[in-house]
C-alpha atoms as a PDB file:
ATOM      1  CA  UNK A   1       0.000   0.000   0.000  1.00  0.00           C
ATOM      2  CA  UNK A   2       2.854   2.359   0.774  1.00  0.00           C
ATOM      3  CA  UNK A   3       4.371   1.647  -2.633  1.00  0.00           C
ATOM      4  CA  UNK A   4       0.997   2.196  -4.256  1.00  0.00           C
ATOM      5  CA  UNK A   5       0.654   5.597  -2.611  1.00  0.00           C
ATOM      6  CA  UNK A   6       4.244   6.537  -3.342  1.00  0.00           C
ATOM      7  CA  UNK A   7       3.840   5.867  -7.045  1.00  0.00           C
ATOM      8  CA  UNK A   8       1.037   8.444  -7.304  1.00  0.00           C
ATOM      9  CA  UNK A   9      -1.708   6.114  -8.457  1.00  0.00           C
ATOM     10  CA  UNK A  10      -5.171   7.593  -9.155  1.00  0.00           C
ATOM     11  CA  UNK A  11      -6.381   6.179  -5.816  1.00  0.00           C
ATOM     12  CA  UNK A  12      -8.546   8.686  -3.903  1.00  0.00           C
ATOM     13  CA  UNK A  13     -10.069   6.534  -1.122  1.00  0.00           C
ATOM     14  CA  UNK A  14      -8.143   4.075   1.047  1.00  0.00           C
ATOM     15  CA  UNK A  15      -9.871   2.082   3.813  1.00  0.00           C
ATOM     16  CA  UNK A  16      -7.480   0.180   6.088  1.00  0.00           C
ATOM     17  CA  UNK A  17      -9.792  -0.016   9.090  1.00  0.00           C
ATOM     18  CA  UNK A  18      -9.694  -2.996  11.483  1.00  0.00           C
ATOM     19  CA  UNK A  19      -6.519  -4.510  10.060  1.00  0.00           C
ATOM     20  CA  UNK A  20      -4.378  -4.561  13.230  1.00  0.00           C
ATOM     21  CA  UNK A  21      -2.061  -1.951  11.757  1.00  0.00           C
ATOM     22  CA  UNK A  22       0.750  -0.865  14.076  1.00  0.00           C
ATOM     23  CA  UNK A  23       2.852   2.262  14.480  1.00  0.00           C
ATOM     24  CA  UNK A  24       5.458   0.673  12.218  1.00  0.00           C
ATOM     25  CA  UNK A  25       2.798   0.302   9.527  1.00  0.00           C
ATOM     26  CA  UNK A  26       2.021   4.012   9.917  1.00  0.00           C
ATOM     27  CA  UNK A  27       5.692   4.688   9.254  1.00  0.00           C
ATOM     28  CA  UNK A  28       5.325   2.944   5.891  1.00  0.00           C
ATOM     29  CA  UNK A  29       2.086   4.814   5.160  1.00  0.00           C
ATOM     30  CA  UNK A  30       3.961   8.025   5.941  1.00  0.00           C
ATOM     31  CA  UNK A  31       6.482   7.171   3.236  1.00  0.00           C
ATOM     32  CA  UNK A  32       3.698   6.712   0.706  1.00  0.00           C
ATOM     33  CA  UNK A  33       1.759   9.814   1.711  1.00  0.00           C
ATOM     34  CA  UNK A  34       4.733  12.124   1.480  1.00  0.00           C
ATOM     35  CA  UNK A  35       4.870  11.796  -2.287  1.00  0.00           C
ATOM     36  CA  UNK A  36       1.205  11.075  -2.992  1.00  0.00           C
ATOM     37  CA  UNK A  37      -0.860  13.642  -4.880  1.00  0.00           C
ATOM     38  CA  UNK A  38      -4.264  11.976  -5.230  1.00  0.00           C
ATOM     39  CA  UNK A  39      -5.496  10.416  -1.967  1.00  0.00           C
ATOM     40  CA  UNK A  40      -8.394  12.332  -0.420  1.00  0.00           C
ATOM     41  CA  UNK A  41      -9.727   9.913   2.224  1.00  0.00           C
ATOM     42  CA  UNK A  42      -7.708   7.719   4.611  1.00  0.00           C
ATOM     43  CA  UNK A  43      -9.530   5.431   7.060  1.00  0.00           C
ATOM     44  CA  UNK A  44      -7.386   3.876   9.809  1.00  0.00           C
ATOM     45  CA  UNK A  45     -10.198   3.209  12.281  1.00  0.00           C
ATOM     46  CA  UNK A  46      -9.918   0.359  14.766  1.00  0.00           C
ATOM     47  CA  UNK A  47      -6.253  -0.539  14.479  1.00  0.00           C
ATOM     48  CA  UNK A  48      -3.380  -0.660  16.993  1.00  0.00           C
ATOM     49  CA  UNK A  49      -2.038   2.824  16.463  1.00  0.00           C
ATOM     50  CA  UNK A  50      -0.599   4.819  19.357  1.00  0.00           C
ATOM     51  CA  UNK A  51       0.864   8.290  19.695  1.00  0.00           C
ATOM     52  CA  UNK A  52       3.976   7.223  17.753  1.00  0.00           C
ATOM     53  CA  UNK A  53       1.863   6.304  14.742  1.00  0.00           C
ATOM     54  CA  UNK A  54       0.143   9.677  14.951  1.00  0.00           C
ATOM     55  CA  UNK A  55       3.512  11.388  14.835  1.00  0.00           C
ATOM     56  CA  UNK A  56       4.312   9.590  11.584  1.00  0.00           C
ATOM     57  CA  UNK A  57       0.968  10.514  10.051  1.00  0.00           C
ATOM     58  CA  UNK A  58       1.151  14.130  11.161  1.00  0.00           C
ATOM     59  CA  UNK A  59       4.650  14.397   9.733  1.00  0.00           C
ATOM     60  CA  UNK A  60       3.389  13.093   6.390  1.00  0.00           C
ATOM     61  CA  UNK A  61       0.659  15.709   6.286  1.00  0.00           C
ATOM     62  CA  UNK A  62       3.172  18.516   6.507  1.00  0.00           C
ATOM     63  CA  UNK A  63       4.113  17.689   2.911  1.00  0.00           C
ATOM     64  CA  UNK A  64       0.866  16.108   1.656  1.00  0.00           C
ATOM     65  CA  UNK A  65      -1.728  18.837   1.281  1.00  0.00           C
ATOM     66  CA  UNK A  66      -4.379  16.812  -0.572  1.00  0.00           C
ATOM     67  CA  UNK A  67      -6.000  14.691   2.148  1.00  0.00           C
ATOM     68  CA  UNK A  68      -9.546  15.831   2.962  1.00  0.00           C
ATOM     69  CA  UNK A  69     -10.767  13.131   5.388  1.00  0.00           C
ATOM     70  CA  UNK A  70      -8.775  11.356   8.100  1.00  0.00           C
ATOM     71  CA  UNK A  71     -10.346   8.734  10.380  1.00  0.00           C
ATOM     72  CA  UNK A  72      -8.158   7.407  13.189  1.00  0.00           C
ATOM     73  CA  UNK A  73     -11.020   6.593  15.583  1.00  0.00           C
ATOM     74  CA  UNK A  74     -10.913   3.595  17.916  1.00  0.00           C
ATOM     75  CA  UNK A  75      -7.141   3.719  18.336  1.00  0.00           C
ATOM     76  CA  UNK A  76      -5.421   4.359  21.671  1.00  0.00           C
ATOM     77  CA  UNK A  77      -3.656   7.553  20.668  1.00  0.00           C
ATOM     78  CA  UNK A  78      -4.424   9.536  23.847  1.00  0.00           C
ATOM     79  CA  UNK A  79      -3.808  13.238  24.344  1.00  0.00           C
ATOM     80  CA  UNK A  80      -0.247  13.052  23.006  1.00  0.00           C
ATOM     81  CA  UNK A  81      -1.389  11.408  19.804  1.00  0.00           C
ATOM     82  CA  UNK A  82      -4.158  13.955  19.303  1.00  0.00           C
ATOM     83  CA  UNK A  83      -1.719  16.781  19.982  1.00  0.00           C
ATOM     84  CA  UNK A  84       0.507  15.491  17.174  1.00  0.00           C
ATOM     85  CA  UNK A  85      -2.071  16.757  14.695  1.00  0.00           C
ATOM     86  CA  UNK A  86      -2.396  20.166  16.311  1.00  0.00           C
ATOM     87  CA  UNK A  87       0.569  21.764  14.596  1.00  0.00           C
ATOM     88  CA  UNK A  88      -0.890  20.924  11.159  1.00  0.00           C
ATOM     89  CA  UNK A  89      -4.512  21.849  11.881  1.00  0.00           C
ATOM     90  CA  UNK A  90      -3.695  25.555  11.876  1.00  0.00           C
ATOM     91  CA  UNK A  91      -1.990  25.338   8.451  1.00  0.00           C
ATOM     92  CA  UNK A  92      -3.745  22.468   6.695  1.00  0.00           C
ATOM     93  CA  UNK A  93      -6.342  24.151   4.494  1.00  0.00           C
ATOM     94  CA  UNK A  94      -7.752  21.077   2.735  1.00  0.00           C
ATOM     95  CA  UNK A  95      -8.792  18.846   5.642  1.00  0.00           C
ATOM     96  CA  UNK A  96     -12.610  18.694   5.781  1.00  0.00           C
ATOM     97  CA  UNK A  97     -13.300  15.820   8.217  1.00  0.00           C
ATOM     98  CA  UNK A  98     -11.366  14.607  11.252  1.00  0.00           C
ATOM     99  CA  UNK A  99     -12.546  11.505  13.135  1.00  0.00           C
ATOM    100  CA  UNK A 100     -11.077  11.012  16.619  1.00  0.00           C
ATOM    101  CA  UNK A 101     -13.808   8.975  18.304  1.00  0.00           C
ATOM    102  CA  UNK A 102     -12.888   6.685  21.216  1.00  0.00           C
ATOM    103  CA  UNK A 103      -9.219   7.578  21.180  1.00  0.00           C
ATOM    104  CA  UNK A 104      -8.578   8.068  24.906  1.00  0.00           C
ATOM    105  CA  UNK A 105      -8.607  11.851  24.570  1.00  0.00           C
ATOM    106  CA  UNK A 106      -9.270  13.879  27.736  1.00  0.00           C
ATOM    107  CA  UNK A 107     -10.053  17.549  28.322  1.00  0.00           C
ATOM    108  CA  UNK A 108      -6.326  18.323  27.975  1.00  0.00           C
ATOM    109  CA  UNK A 109      -6.186  16.927  24.451  1.00  0.00           C
ATOM    110  CA  UNK A 110      -9.460  18.616  23.522  1.00  0.00           C
ATOM    111  CA  UNK A 111      -8.149  21.989  24.688  1.00  0.00           C
ATOM    112  CA  UNK A 112      -5.049  21.518  22.513  1.00  0.00           C
ATOM    113  CA  UNK A 113      -7.198  20.610  19.501  1.00  0.00           C
ATOM    114  CA  UNK A 114      -9.489  23.598  20.077  1.00  0.00           C
ATOM    115  CA  UNK A 115      -6.557  25.992  20.329  1.00  0.00           C
ATOM    116  CA  UNK A 116      -5.072  24.635  17.104  1.00  0.00           C
ATOM    117  CA  UNK A 117      -8.369  24.990  15.269  1.00  0.00           C
ATOM    118  CA  UNK A 118      -8.754  28.689  16.043  1.00  0.00           C
ATOM    119  CA  UNK A 119      -6.813  29.519  12.879  1.00  0.00           C
ATOM    120  CA  UNK A 120      -8.272  26.696  10.775  1.00  0.00           C
ATOM    121  CA  UNK A 121     -10.929  27.728   8.253  1.00  0.00           C
ATOM    122  CA  UNK A 122     -11.438  24.508   6.301  1.00  0.00           C
ATOM    123  CA  UNK A 123     -12.532  21.799   8.753  1.00  0.00           C
ATOM    124  CA  UNK A 124     -16.256  21.117   8.310  1.00  0.00           C
ATOM    125  CA  UNK A 125     -16.753  18.045  10.543  1.00  0.00           C
ATOM    126  CA  UNK A 126     -15.136  17.038  13.836  1.00  0.00           C
ATOM    127  CA  UNK A 127     -15.998  13.758  15.562  1.00  0.00           C
ATOM    128  CA  UNK A 128     -14.887  13.473  19.203  1.00  0.00           C
ATOM    129  CA  UNK A 129     -17.524  11.127  20.632  1.00  0.00           C
ATOM    130  CA  UNK A 130     -16.658   8.589  23.332  1.00  0.00           C
ATOM    131  CA  UNK A 131     -13.760  10.583  24.774  1.00  0.00           C
ATOM    132  CA  UNK A 132     -13.589  11.973  28.314  1.00  0.00           C
ATOM    133  CA  UNK A 133     -13.382  15.645  27.372  1.00  0.00           C
ATOM    134  CA  UNK A 134     -15.680  16.794  30.207  1.00  0.00           C
ATOM    135  CA  UNK A 135     -16.801  20.400  30.666  1.00  0.00           C
ATOM    136  CA  UNK A 136     -13.291  21.832  30.260  1.00  0.00           C
ATOM    137  CA  UNK A 137     -12.963  20.362  26.778  1.00  0.00           C
ATOM    138  CA  UNK A 138     -16.496  21.373  25.838  1.00  0.00           C
ATOM    139  CA  UNK A 139     -15.884  24.956  26.949  1.00  0.00           C
ATOM    140  CA  UNK A 140     -12.650  25.080  24.942  1.00  0.00           C
ATOM    141  CA  UNK A 141     -14.608  24.021  21.853  1.00  0.00           C
ATOM    142  CA  UNK A 142     -17.166  26.705  22.624  1.00  0.00           C
ATOM    143  CA  UNK A 143     -14.396  29.330  22.699  1.00  0.00           C
ATOM    144  CA  UNK A 144     -13.133  28.076  19.344  1.00  0.00           C
ATOM    145  CA  UNK A 145     -16.626  28.293  17.842  1.00  0.00           C
ATOM    146  CA  UNK A 146     -16.966  31.978  18.747  1.00  0.00           C
ATOM    147  CA  UNK A 147     -14.658  32.893  15.858  1.00  0.00           C
ATOM    148  CA  UNK A 148     -15.131  29.907  13.538  1.00  0.00           C
ATOM    149  CA  UNK A 149     -17.469  29.880  10.537  1.00  0.00           C
ATOM    150  CA  UNK A 150     -16.454  26.673   8.749  1.00  0.00           C
ATOM    151  CA  UNK A 151     -17.343  23.836  11.160  1.00  0.00           C
ATOM    152  CA  UNK A 152     -20.781  22.435  10.350  1.00  0.00           C
ATOM    153  CA  UNK A 153     -20.793  19.096  12.223  1.00  0.00           C
ATOM    154  CA  UNK A 154     -19.615  18.417  15.781  1.00  0.00           C
ATOM    155  CA  UNK A 155     -20.239  15.139  17.606  1.00  0.00           C
ATOM    156  CA  UNK A 156     -19.627  14.994  21.368  1.00  0.00           C
ATOM    157  CA  UNK A 157     -21.668  11.929  22.344  1.00  0.00           C
ATOM    158  CA  UNK A 158     -20.521  10.011  25.436  1.00  0.00           C
ATOM    159  CA  UNK A 159     -18.009  12.676  26.464  1.00  0.00           C
ATOM    160  CA  UNK A 160     -18.814  13.068  30.217  1.00  0.00           C
ATOM    161  CA  UNK A 161     -20.178  16.573  29.649  1.00  0.00           C
ATOM    162  CA  UNK A 162     -22.311  18.136  32.393  1.00  0.00           C
ATOM    163  CA  UNK A 163     -24.949  20.832  32.048  1.00  0.00           C
ATOM    164  CA  UNK A 164     -22.474  23.657  32.680  1.00  0.00           C
ATOM    165  CA  UNK A 165     -20.381  22.635  29.655  1.00  0.00           C
ATOM    166  CA  UNK A 166     -23.464  22.266  27.478  1.00  0.00           C
ATOM    167  CA  UNK A 167     -24.798  25.624  28.624  1.00  0.00           C
ATOM    168  CA  UNK A 168     -21.566  27.373  27.573  1.00  0.00           C
ATOM    169  CA  UNK A 169     -21.733  25.722  24.158  1.00  0.00           C
ATOM    170  CA  UNK A 170     -25.394  26.616  23.646  1.00  0.00           C
ATOM    171  CA  UNK A 171     -24.790  30.260  24.566  1.00  0.00           C
ATOM    172  CA  UNK A 172     -22.146  30.474  21.845  1.00  0.00           C
ATOM    173  CA  UNK A 173     -24.564  28.931  19.334  1.00  0.00           C
ATOM    174  CA  UNK A 174     -27.176  31.507  20.344  1.00  0.00           C
ATOM    175  CA  UNK A 175     -25.032  34.587  19.871  1.00  0.00           C
ATOM    176  CA  UNK A 176     -21.675  33.964  18.182  1.00  0.00           C
ATOM    177  CA  UNK A 177     -21.805  30.960  15.857  1.00  0.00           C
ATOM    178  CA  UNK A 178     -24.358  30.410  13.104  1.00  0.00           C
ATOM    179  CA  UNK A 179     -22.445  28.001  10.861  1.00  0.00           C
ATOM    180  CA  UNK A 180     -22.752  24.816  12.958  1.00  0.00           C
ATOM    181  CA  UNK A 181     -25.557  22.659  11.552  1.00  0.00           C
ATOM    182  CA  UNK A 182     -25.356  19.402  13.545  1.00  0.00           C
ATOM    183  CA  UNK A 183     -24.370  19.038  17.201  1.00  0.00           C
ATOM    184  CA  UNK A 184     -24.469  15.629  18.892  1.00  0.00           C
ATOM    185  CA  UNK A 185     -24.393  15.612  22.710  1.00  0.00           C
ATOM    186  CA  UNK A 186     -26.173  12.320  23.360  1.00  0.00           C
ATOM    187  CA  UNK A 187     -25.488  10.190  26.437  1.00  0.00           C
ATOM    188  CA  UNK A 188     -23.862  12.910  28.510  1.00  0.00           C
ATOM    189  CA  UNK A 189     -24.642  13.993  32.081  1.00  0.00           C
ATOM    190  CA  UNK A 190     -27.230  16.586  31.076  1.00  0.00           C
ATOM    191  CA  UNK A 191     -30.393  14.764  32.137  1.00  0.00           C
ATOM    192  CA  UNK A 192     -32.945  16.832  34.075  1.00  0.00           C
ATOM    193  CA  UNK A 193     -36.051  15.986  36.049  1.00  0.00           C
ATOM    194  CA  UNK A 194     -38.347  17.593  38.600  1.00  0.00           C
ATOM    195  CA  UNK A 195     -36.255  16.358  41.526  1.00  0.00           C
ATOM    196  CA  UNK A 196     -32.975  17.660  40.151  1.00  0.00           C
ATOM    197  CA  UNK A 197     -33.393  21.186  38.842  1.00  0.00           C
ATOM    198  CA  UNK A 198     -29.926  22.522  39.555  1.00  0.00           C
ATOM    199  CA  UNK A 199     -26.489  21.175  38.659  1.00  0.00           C
ATOM    200  CA  UNK A 200     -23.295  23.218  38.851  1.00  0.00           C
ATOM    201  CA  UNK A 201     -25.385  26.342  39.368  1.00  0.00           C
ATOM    202  CA  UNK A 202     -27.480  26.001  36.217  1.00  0.00           C
ATOM    203  CA  UNK A 203     -31.210  25.478  36.417  1.00  0.00           C
ATOM    204  CA  UNK A 204     -32.809  23.044  34.013  1.00  0.00           C
ATOM    205  CA  UNK A 205     -35.023  25.777  32.601  1.00  0.00           C
ATOM    206  CA  UNK A 206     -31.915  27.805  31.645  1.00  0.00           C
ATOM    207  CA  UNK A 207     -30.573  24.893  29.619  1.00  0.00           C
ATOM    208  CA  UNK A 208     -33.906  24.428  27.846  1.00  0.00           C
ATOM    209  CA  UNK A 209     -34.138  28.141  27.056  1.00  0.00           C
ATOM    210  CA  UNK A 210     -30.586  28.181  25.682  1.00  0.00           C
ATOM    211  CA  UNK A 211     -31.397  25.135  23.566  1.00  0.00           C
ATOM    212  CA  UNK A 212     -34.503  26.825  22.178  1.00  0.00           C
ATOM    213  CA  UNK A 213     -32.584  30.022  21.376  1.00  0.00           C
ATOM    214  CA  UNK A 214     -29.821  28.065  19.638  1.00  0.00           C
ATOM    215  CA  UNK A 215     -32.467  26.621  17.318  1.00  0.00           C
ATOM    216  CA  UNK A 216     -34.705  29.662  16.979  1.00  0.00           C
ATOM    217  CA  UNK A 217     -32.901  31.524  14.192  1.00  0.00           C
ATOM    218  CA  UNK A 218     -31.250  28.529  12.580  1.00  0.00           C
ATOM    219  CA  UNK A 219     -34.021  26.357  11.195  1.00  0.00           C
ATOM    220  CA  UNK A 220     -31.711  23.801   9.554  1.00  0.00           C
ATOM    221  CA  UNK A 221     -29.663  23.240  12.719  1.00  0.00           C
ATOM    222  CA  UNK A 222     -29.993  19.917  14.549  1.00  0.00           C
ATOM    223  CA  UNK A 223     -29.022  19.382  18.196  1.00  0.00           C
ATOM    224  CA  UNK A 224     -29.161  15.690  19.062  1.00  0.00           C
ATOM    225  CA  UNK A 225     -29.772  14.996  22.765  1.00  0.00           C
ATOM    226  CA  UNK A 226     -31.246  11.511  23.156  1.00  0.00           C
ATOM    227  CA  UNK A 227     -30.174   9.085  25.874  1.00  0.00           C
ATOM    228  CA  UNK A 228     -29.118  10.739  29.145  1.00  0.00           C
ATOM    229  CA  UNK A 229     -30.209  14.072  27.823  1.00  0.00           C
ATOM    230  CA  UNK A 230     -32.676  16.896  28.305  1.00  0.00           C
ATOM    231  CA  UNK A 231     -36.183  15.838  29.299  1.00  0.00           C
END
């Protein structure tokens, strides 16, 4: 596959998901990507890639400016692996989709990603579901969204977000960001009921009002909140 990429074949989509690929395999992919001019989508989901493999891939993308979609979900890359991509996110103008679901990323890694994205104006979809980004990571993403007008899809399902983090994000969507079209916050700690009206200082009614305002002037926006979500 590395040879195929290196020889600049007309290949545009490469799916290597669930193939037990290692960091050493990523090193070979790096070799192919560095001289490739055609590949637009690379799927490495569900392999055995760690932070070292991410370093190889990120290094390749400093010379390959054609990739539009990268999926490295379901690999144990952690915060260090996620941070490897940060230095290219601010300069990489062609990347449209980045999938980092279930990668062992915490709020620290999410903050680093958010900071890197502040100068990125091409990314349209970011998938961070099933990572423990908590309120700190969610609030960092909210800060990034205040000045961003390119991101249209953001998935934060199963991310240990509480109502305070969601409230901050919804306030930004009410007043500062009108480009986001789909927000997934399913199965987070934002459930409300009559016996539990306050969490972290936010009343349930405030969250519902913010949700309504975020949708009021953006009729094609979807905010997905099933599971442990708003009642």
